Amino acid sequence: MTDIARNIAEVREEMARACRRAGRGETDVLLVAVSKYQSIERIQEAFEAGVSVFGENHAQELNEKKTFFEQHGCAVHFIGHLQTNKIKYVCGFADLIESVDRQNLADSLDQKAEARGVVQDILIQVNIGAEDQKGGVSDEDLDSFAESCARLPHLRLRGLMCVPPAVEAEEARAYFRKMRARFEQLGERFDSGAFDTLSMGMSHDFAVAIEEGATQIRVGTRIFGARDKK
């Protein structure tokens, strides 16, 4: 067993324990392996260990890996800050764009999706900790922005994503709990069949996120180790 395969097995076991503590089924939470800066060879190891959903942060890097993901039938989530001039690399290819956080981005995605004849699944990124240096829609603006996104005909609003402040896992619990409450509130207003995704929790805090209702987690370092930036 490779180191990556061993790491994935450990992450899945921790996910299972968190699900049991929360009274949830082990299949209720999706593991997204964050493959930013990882080589195709290392991504292949993760794929062979059973991971089929990968998260990429950079549009051009995602484009470089596109052939591998397509050939192996992998789902790809775009989880980083998306510039409008990089939409062409992402819209219509990423199965889910998790980081929609401003109106001009939503409008541009809708236009590109129309041009490509697709409906693009998206999440709204919420700045749940109200941090000036971090992207995301403020809690105060979330309702109106969600309504706006839901009206765009070539986008499908699937749910919410957040990156809480850089605190210890247990300290992040309050932010995750607030996110779940907002997710459930919005879920009452939108199509419950489509509004089904709450993306929160990363390598150091995903167990707490699962306990507080995450439907998918984004794990990089616990799977691949510390990243070597290009």
C-alpha atoms as a PDB file:
ATOM      1  CA  MET A   1       0.000   0.000   0.000  1.00  0.00           C
ATOM      2  CA  THR A   2       1.375   3.413  -0.954  1.00  0.00           C
ATOM      3  CA  ASP A   3       1.567   6.304   1.500  1.00  0.00           C
ATOM      4  CA  ILE A   4      -1.257   8.054  -0.337  1.00  0.00           C
ATOM      5  CA  ALA A   5      -3.456   4.942  -0.217  1.00  0.00           C
ATOM      6  CA  ARG A   6      -2.721   4.562   3.493  1.00  0.00           C
ATOM      7  CA  ASN A   7      -3.586   8.208   4.110  1.00  0.00           C
ATOM      8  CA  ILE A   8      -6.867   7.843   2.252  1.00  0.00           C
ATOM      9  CA  ALA A   9      -7.774   4.784   4.291  1.00  0.00           C
ATOM     10  CA  GLU A  10      -7.090   6.709   7.499  1.00  0.00           C
ATOM     11  CA  VAL A  11      -9.162   9.689   6.334  1.00  0.00           C
ATOM     12  CA  ARG A  12     -12.067   7.433   5.397  1.00  0.00           C
ATOM     13  CA  GLU A  13     -11.953   5.720   8.779  1.00  0.00           C
ATOM     14  CA  GLU A  14     -11.998   9.084  10.540  1.00  0.00           C
ATOM     15  CA  MET A  15     -14.909  10.130   8.333  1.00  0.00           C
ATOM     16  CA  ALA A  16     -16.761   6.946   9.299  1.00  0.00           C
ATOM     17  CA  ARG A  17     -16.202   7.575  13.006  1.00  0.00           C
ATOM     18  CA  ALA A  18     -17.460  11.148  12.700  1.00  0.00           C
ATOM     19  CA  CYS A  19     -20.546   9.945  10.833  1.00  0.00           C
ATOM     20  CA  ARG A  20     -21.276   7.410  13.546  1.00  0.00           C
ATOM     21  CA  ARG A  21     -20.936  10.056  16.255  1.00  0.00           C
ATOM     22  CA  ALA A  22     -23.408  12.242  14.365  1.00  0.00           C
ATOM     23  CA  GLY A  23     -25.828   9.402  13.685  1.00  0.00           C
ATOM     24  CA  ARG A  24     -25.222   9.657   9.946  1.00  0.00           C
ATOM     25  CA  GLY A  25     -24.565   7.027   7.326  1.00  0.00           C
ATOM     26  CA  GLU A  26     -20.986   6.571   6.123  1.00  0.00           C
ATOM     27  CA  THR A  27     -22.066   7.320   2.559  1.00  0.00           C
ATOM     28  CA  ASP A  28     -23.651  10.647   3.518  1.00  0.00           C
ATOM     29  CA  VAL A  29     -20.387  12.580   3.108  1.00  0.00           C
ATOM     30  CA  LEU A  30     -18.363  12.929  -0.094  1.00  0.00           C
ATOM     31  CA  LEU A  31     -14.568  13.030   0.038  1.00  0.00           C
ATOM     32  CA  VAL A  32     -13.043  15.588  -2.342  1.00  0.00           C
ATOM     33  CA  ALA A  33      -9.270  15.151  -2.655  1.00  0.00           C
ATOM     34  CA  VAL A  34      -7.631  18.548  -3.107  1.00  0.00           C
ATOM     35  CA  SER A  35      -5.065  17.950  -5.830  1.00  0.00           C
ATOM     36  CA  LYS A  36      -3.640  21.462  -6.175  1.00  0.00           C
ATOM     37  CA  TYR A  37       0.058  21.334  -7.123  1.00  0.00           C
ATOM     38  CA  GLN A  38      -0.023  17.526  -7.230  1.00  0.00           C
ATOM     39  CA  SER A  39       1.466  15.619 -10.151  1.00  0.00           C
ATOM     40  CA  ILE A  40      -0.602  13.360 -12.359  1.00  0.00           C
ATOM     41  CA  GLU A  41       1.313  10.392 -10.904  1.00  0.00           C
ATOM     42  CA  ARG A  42       0.235  11.242  -7.348  1.00  0.00           C
ATOM     43  CA  ILE A  43      -3.341  11.893  -8.455  1.00  0.00           C
ATOM     44  CA  GLN A  44      -3.258   8.494 -10.157  1.00  0.00           C
ATOM     45  CA  GLU A  45      -2.284   6.909  -6.824  1.00  0.00           C
ATOM     46  CA  ALA A  46      -5.257   8.538  -5.133  1.00  0.00           C
ATOM     47  CA  PHE A  47      -7.546   7.412  -7.934  1.00  0.00           C
ATOM     48  CA  GLU A  48      -6.293   3.832  -7.648  1.00  0.00           C
ATOM     49  CA  ALA A  49      -6.987   4.017  -3.898  1.00  0.00           C
ATOM     50  CA  GLY A  50     -10.642   4.738  -4.622  1.00  0.00           C
ATOM     51  CA  VAL A  51     -10.896   8.534  -4.838  1.00  0.00           C
ATOM     52  CA  SER A  52     -12.932   9.699  -7.814  1.00  0.00           C
ATOM     53  CA  VAL A  53     -13.609  13.370  -6.969  1.00  0.00           C
ATOM     54  CA  PHE A  54     -10.819  15.922  -7.044  1.00  0.00           C
ATOM     55  CA  GLY A  55     -10.708  19.607  -6.143  1.00  0.00           C
ATOM     56  CA  GLU A  56      -8.571  22.086  -8.046  1.00  0.00           C
ATOM     57  CA  ASN A  57      -7.811  25.692  -7.045  1.00  0.00           C
ATOM     58  CA  HIS A  58      -6.286  27.132 -10.199  1.00  0.00           C
ATOM     59  CA  ALA A  59      -8.063  27.319 -13.533  1.00  0.00           C
ATOM     60  CA  GLN A  60      -5.039  26.803 -15.752  1.00  0.00           C
ATOM     61  CA  GLU A  61      -3.725  23.933 -13.649  1.00  0.00           C
ATOM     62  CA  LEU A  62      -7.130  22.286 -13.879  1.00  0.00           C
ATOM     63  CA  ASN A  63      -6.972  22.714 -17.642  1.00  0.00           C
ATOM     64  CA  GLU A  64      -3.572  20.995 -17.742  1.00  0.00           C
ATOM     65  CA  LYS A  65      -5.004  17.981 -15.885  1.00  0.00           C
ATOM     66  CA  LYS A  66      -8.238  17.902 -17.849  1.00  0.00           C
ATOM     67  CA  THR A  67      -7.284  14.978 -20.077  1.00  0.00           C
ATOM     68  CA  PHE A  68      -6.375  12.754 -17.111  1.00  0.00           C
ATOM     69  CA  PHE A  69      -9.631  13.522 -15.300  1.00  0.00           C
ATOM     70  CA  GLU A  70     -11.702  12.882 -18.420  1.00  0.00           C
ATOM     71  CA  GLN A  71      -9.928   9.634 -19.311  1.00  0.00           C
ATOM     72  CA  HIS A  72     -10.402   8.268 -15.784  1.00  0.00           C
ATOM     73  CA  GLY A  73     -14.010   9.395 -15.358  1.00  0.00           C
ATOM     74  CA  CYS A  74     -13.169  11.612 -12.388  1.00  0.00           C
ATOM     75  CA  ALA A  75     -15.448  14.360 -11.150  1.00  0.00           C
ATOM     76  CA  VAL A  76     -13.730  17.713 -10.707  1.00  0.00           C
ATOM     77  CA  HIS A  77     -14.690  20.527  -8.366  1.00  0.00           C
ATOM     78  CA  PHE A  78     -13.234  23.990  -8.743  1.00  0.00           C
ATOM     79  CA  ILE A  79     -12.645  25.261  -5.210  1.00  0.00           C
ATOM     80  CA  GLY A  80     -10.396  28.310  -5.595  1.00  0.00           C
ATOM     81  CA  HIS A  81     -10.889  31.968  -6.386  1.00  0.00           C
ATOM     82  CA  LEU A  82     -12.126  32.185  -9.976  1.00  0.00           C
ATOM     83  CA  GLN A  83     -11.227  35.191 -12.065  1.00  0.00           C
ATOM     84  CA  THR A  84     -13.715  36.064 -14.771  1.00  0.00           C
ATOM     85  CA  ASN A  85     -11.008  35.870 -17.449  1.00  0.00           C
ATOM     86  CA  LYS A  86     -10.323  32.229 -16.480  1.00  0.00           C
ATOM     87  CA  ILE A  87     -13.932  31.050 -16.720  1.00  0.00           C
ATOM     88  CA  LYS A  88     -13.239  29.486 -20.127  1.00  0.00           C
ATOM     89  CA  TYR A  89     -11.027  26.878 -18.446  1.00  0.00           C
ATOM     90  CA  VAL A  90     -13.634  25.892 -15.876  1.00  0.00           C
ATOM     91  CA  CYS A  91     -17.227  26.430 -16.981  1.00  0.00           C
ATOM     92  CA  GLY A  92     -18.672  23.364 -18.631  1.00  0.00           C
ATOM     93  CA  PHE A  93     -15.806  21.155 -17.480  1.00  0.00           C
ATOM     94  CA  ALA A  94     -15.852  21.366 -13.695  1.00  0.00           C
ATOM     95  CA  ASP A  95     -18.718  19.285 -12.355  1.00  0.00           C
ATOM     96  CA  LEU A  96     -19.153  21.805  -9.553  1.00  0.00           C
ATOM     97  CA  ILE A  97     -17.795  25.323  -9.075  1.00  0.00           C
ATOM     98  CA  GLU A  98     -17.754  25.812  -5.307  1.00  0.00           C
ATOM     99  CA  SER A  99     -16.434  29.361  -5.076  1.00  0.00           C
ATOM    100  CA  VAL A 100     -19.041  31.660  -6.631  1.00  0.00           C
ATOM    101  CA  ASP A 101     -18.943  34.777  -4.479  1.00  0.00           C
ATOM    102  CA  ARG A 102     -19.889  37.853  -6.535  1.00  0.00           C
ATOM    103  CA  GLN A 103     -22.505  38.929  -9.003  1.00  0.00           C
ATOM    104  CA  ASN A 104     -20.257  39.624 -11.983  1.00  0.00           C
ATOM    105  CA  LEU A 105     -18.785  36.127 -11.681  1.00  0.00           C
ATOM    106  CA  ALA A 106     -22.235  34.532 -11.550  1.00  0.00           C
ATOM    107  CA  ASP A 107     -23.384  36.548 -14.564  1.00  0.00           C
ATOM    108  CA  SER A 108     -20.263  35.663 -16.564  1.00  0.00           C
ATOM    109  CA  LEU A 109     -20.608  31.976 -15.713  1.00  0.00           C
ATOM    110  CA  ASP A 110     -24.235  32.037 -16.818  1.00  0.00           C
ATOM    111  CA  GLN A 111     -23.252  33.595 -20.146  1.00  0.00           C
ATOM    112  CA  LYS A 112     -20.450  31.096 -20.750  1.00  0.00           C
ATOM    113  CA  ALA A 113     -22.681  28.164 -19.789  1.00  0.00           C
ATOM    114  CA  GLU A 114     -25.308  29.358 -22.252  1.00  0.00           C
ATOM    115  CA  ALA A 115     -22.694  29.651 -25.000  1.00  0.00           C
ATOM    116  CA  ARG A 116     -21.545  26.086 -24.295  1.00  0.00           C
ATOM    117  CA  GLY A 117     -25.059  24.705 -24.069  1.00  0.00           C
ATOM    118  CA  VAL A 118     -24.736  23.484 -20.482  1.00  0.00           C
ATOM    119  CA  VAL A 119     -26.172  24.131 -17.058  1.00  0.00           C
ATOM    120  CA  GLN A 120     -23.306  24.688 -14.630  1.00  0.00           C
ATOM    121  CA  ASP A 121     -23.644  23.464 -11.044  1.00  0.00           C
ATOM    122  CA  ILE A 122     -22.384  25.964  -8.477  1.00  0.00           C
ATOM    123  CA  LEU A 123     -22.045  26.575  -4.757  1.00  0.00           C
ATOM    124  CA  ILE A 124     -22.003  29.986  -3.120  1.00  0.00           C
ATOM    125  CA  GLN A 125     -18.881  30.604  -1.064  1.00  0.00           C
ATOM    126  CA  VAL A 126     -19.806  32.248   2.229  1.00  0.00           C
ATOM    127  CA  ASN A 127     -17.360  34.343   4.246  1.00  0.00           C
ATOM    128  CA  ILE A 128     -18.729  32.901   7.462  1.00  0.00           C
ATOM    129  CA  GLY A 129     -16.037  34.463   9.636  1.00  0.00           C
ATOM    130  CA  ALA A 130     -16.441  37.957   8.116  1.00  0.00           C
ATOM    131  CA  GLU A 131     -12.715  38.097   7.343  1.00  0.00           C
ATOM    132  CA  ASP A 132     -11.558  41.042   5.254  1.00  0.00           C
ATOM    133  CA  GLN A 133      -8.779  39.079   3.567  1.00  0.00           C
ATOM    134  CA  LYS A 134     -10.973  36.167   2.518  1.00  0.00           C
ATOM    135  CA  GLY A 135     -13.342  35.757  -0.405  1.00  0.00           C
ATOM    136  CA  GLY A 136     -16.970  34.868  -0.027  1.00  0.00           C
ATOM    137  CA  VAL A 137     -20.371  36.457   0.268  1.00  0.00           C
ATOM    138  CA  SER A 138     -21.161  38.020   3.619  1.00  0.00           C
ATOM    139  CA  ASP A 139     -23.862  36.418   5.725  1.00  0.00           C
ATOM    140  CA  GLU A 140     -25.888  39.620   5.410  1.00  0.00           C
ATOM    141  CA  ASP A 141     -25.832  39.448   1.599  1.00  0.00           C
ATOM    142  CA  LEU A 142     -26.291  35.706   1.270  1.00  0.00           C
ATOM    143  CA  ASP A 143     -30.065  35.605   0.883  1.00  0.00           C
ATOM    144  CA  SER A 144     -30.230  38.201  -1.868  1.00  0.00           C
ATOM    145  CA  PHE A 145     -27.228  36.756  -3.706  1.00  0.00           C
ATOM    146  CA  ALA A 146     -28.681  33.253  -3.549  1.00  0.00           C
ATOM    147  CA  GLU A 147     -31.951  34.530  -4.998  1.00  0.00           C
ATOM    148  CA  SER A 148     -30.029  36.201  -7.802  1.00  0.00           C
ATOM    149  CA  CYS A 149     -28.034  33.063  -8.611  1.00  0.00           C
ATOM    150  CA  ALA A 150     -31.159  30.913  -8.548  1.00  0.00           C
ATOM    151  CA  ARG A 151     -32.721  33.112 -11.224  1.00  0.00           C
ATOM    152  CA  LEU A 152     -29.867  32.627 -13.699  1.00  0.00           C
ATOM    153  CA  PRO A 153     -31.130  30.023 -16.197  1.00  0.00           C
ATOM    154  CA  HIS A 154     -27.817  28.356 -16.995  1.00  0.00           C
ATOM    155  CA  LEU A 155     -26.624  27.940 -13.408  1.00  0.00           C
ATOM    156  CA  ARG A 156     -27.908  25.359 -10.932  1.00  0.00           C
ATOM    157  CA  LEU A 157     -27.464  26.445  -7.322  1.00  0.00           C
ATOM    158  CA  ARG A 158     -26.560  23.311  -5.389  1.00  0.00           C
ATOM    159  CA  GLY A 159     -25.680  24.735  -1.968  1.00  0.00           C
ATOM    160  CA  LEU A 160     -23.012  26.511   0.061  1.00  0.00           C
ATOM    161  CA  MET A 161     -19.278  26.338   0.763  1.00  0.00           C
ATOM    162  CA  CYS A 162     -17.138  27.978   3.419  1.00  0.00           C
ATOM    163  CA  VAL A 163     -13.582  28.265   4.685  1.00  0.00           C
ATOM    164  CA  PRO A 164     -13.819  29.244   8.365  1.00  0.00           C
ATOM    165  CA  PRO A 165     -11.151  31.291  10.142  1.00  0.00           C
ATOM    166  CA  ALA A 166      -7.826  29.547  10.802  1.00  0.00           C
ATOM    167  CA  VAL A 167      -8.638  28.228  14.259  1.00  0.00           C
ATOM    168  CA  GLU A 168      -8.393  24.868  15.991  1.00  0.00           C
ATOM    169  CA  ALA A 169     -10.927  22.276  14.886  1.00  0.00           C
ATOM    170  CA  GLU A 170     -13.150  22.543  17.937  1.00  0.00           C
ATOM    171  CA  GLU A 171     -13.183  26.347  17.648  1.00  0.00           C
ATOM    172  CA  ALA A 172     -14.430  25.998  14.073  1.00  0.00           C
ATOM    173  CA  ARG A 173     -17.536  24.153  15.269  1.00  0.00           C
ATOM    174  CA  ALA A 174     -19.544  27.349  15.807  1.00  0.00           C
ATOM    175  CA  TYR A 175     -18.856  28.477  12.234  1.00  0.00           C
ATOM    176  CA  PHE A 176     -19.850  25.093  10.822  1.00  0.00           C
ATOM    177  CA  ARG A 177     -23.017  25.101  12.920  1.00  0.00           C
ATOM    178  CA  LYS A 178     -23.943  28.534  11.597  1.00  0.00           C
ATOM    179  CA  MET A 179     -23.299  27.371   8.045  1.00  0.00           C
ATOM    180  CA  ARG A 180     -25.606  24.407   8.489  1.00  0.00           C
ATOM    181  CA  ALA A 181     -28.351  26.673   9.818  1.00  0.00           C
ATOM    182  CA  ARG A 182     -28.021  28.990   6.816  1.00  0.00           C
ATOM    183  CA  PHE A 183     -27.949  25.991   4.467  1.00  0.00           C
ATOM    184  CA  GLU A 184     -31.156  24.635   5.948  1.00  0.00           C
ATOM    185  CA  GLN A 185     -32.834  28.049   5.837  1.00  0.00           C
ATOM    186  CA  LEU A 186     -32.054  28.461   2.162  1.00  0.00           C
ATOM    187  CA  GLY A 187     -32.990  24.864   1.461  1.00  0.00           C
ATOM    188  CA  GLU A 188     -36.548  25.678   2.492  1.00  0.00           C
ATOM    189  CA  ARG A 189     -36.700  28.325  -0.244  1.00  0.00           C
ATOM    190  CA  PHE A 190     -35.073  26.469  -3.110  1.00  0.00           C
ATOM    191  CA  ASP A 191     -35.582  23.109  -4.783  1.00  0.00           C
ATOM    192  CA  SER A 192     -34.637  20.616  -2.108  1.00  0.00           C
ATOM    193  CA  GLY A 193     -33.825  18.067  -4.782  1.00  0.00           C
ATOM    194  CA  ALA A 194     -31.038  20.247  -6.158  1.00  0.00           C
ATOM    195  CA  PHE A 195     -30.015  22.316  -3.129  1.00  0.00           C
ATOM    196  CA  ASP A 196     -28.223  19.454  -1.437  1.00  0.00           C
ATOM    197  CA  THR A 197     -24.564  20.315  -0.885  1.00  0.00           C
ATOM    198  CA  LEU A 198     -22.829  21.819   2.138  1.00  0.00           C
ATOM    199  CA  SER A 199     -19.083  21.861   1.507  1.00  0.00           C
ATOM    200  CA  MET A 200     -17.066  22.521   4.633  1.00  0.00           C
ATOM    201  CA  GLY A 201     -14.177  20.970   6.480  1.00  0.00           C
ATOM    202  CA  MET A 202     -10.559  20.451   5.459  1.00  0.00           C
ATOM    203  CA  SER A 203      -7.631  18.334   6.603  1.00  0.00           C
ATOM    204  CA  HIS A 204      -7.494  19.552  10.214  1.00  0.00           C
ATOM    205  CA  ASP A 205     -11.197  19.993  10.971  1.00  0.00           C
ATOM    206  CA  PHE A 206     -13.228  17.739   8.680  1.00  0.00           C
ATOM    207  CA  ALA A 207     -14.416  15.469  11.499  1.00  0.00           C
ATOM    208  CA  VAL A 208     -16.017  18.417  13.278  1.00  0.00           C
ATOM    209  CA  ALA A 209     -17.509  19.618  10.000  1.00  0.00           C
ATOM    210  CA  ILE A 210     -19.090  16.196   9.452  1.00  0.00           C
ATOM    211  CA  GLU A 211     -20.530  16.237  12.965  1.00  0.00           C
ATOM    212  CA  GLU A 212     -22.080  19.620  12.168  1.00  0.00           C
ATOM    213  CA  GLY A 213     -23.661  18.578   8.880  1.00  0.00           C
ATOM    214  CA  ALA A 214     -21.142  18.783   6.026  1.00  0.00           C
ATOM    215  CA  THR A 215     -22.189  16.766   2.994  1.00  0.00           C
ATOM    216  CA  GLN A 216     -18.720  16.971   1.484  1.00  0.00           C
ATOM    217  CA  ILE A 217     -15.233  17.712   2.774  1.00  0.00           C
ATOM    218  CA  ARG A 218     -12.134  18.986   0.965  1.00  0.00           C
ATOM    219  CA  VAL A 219      -8.968  17.191   2.060  1.00  0.00           C
ATOM    220  CA  GLY A 220      -5.504  17.799   0.631  1.00  0.00           C
ATOM    221  CA  THR A 221      -2.636  17.647   3.112  1.00  0.00           C
ATOM    222  CA  ARG A 222      -3.962  14.592   4.971  1.00  0.00           C
ATOM    223  CA  ILE A 223      -3.981  12.721   1.661  1.00  0.00           C
ATOM    224  CA  PHE A 224      -0.999  14.057  -0.271  1.00  0.00           C
ATOM    225  CA  GLY A 225       1.182  15.524   2.474  1.00  0.00           C
ATOM    226  CA  ALA A 226       2.598  19.037   2.509  1.00  0.00           C
ATOM    227  CA  ARG A 227       2.512  20.603  -0.939  1.00  0.00           C
ATOM    228  CA  ASP A 228       5.536  21.620  -2.961  1.00  0.00           C
ATOM    229  CA  LYS A 229       4.427  24.704  -4.846  1.00  0.00           C
ATOM    230  CA  LYS A 230       5.310  24.939  -8.486  1.00  0.00           C
END
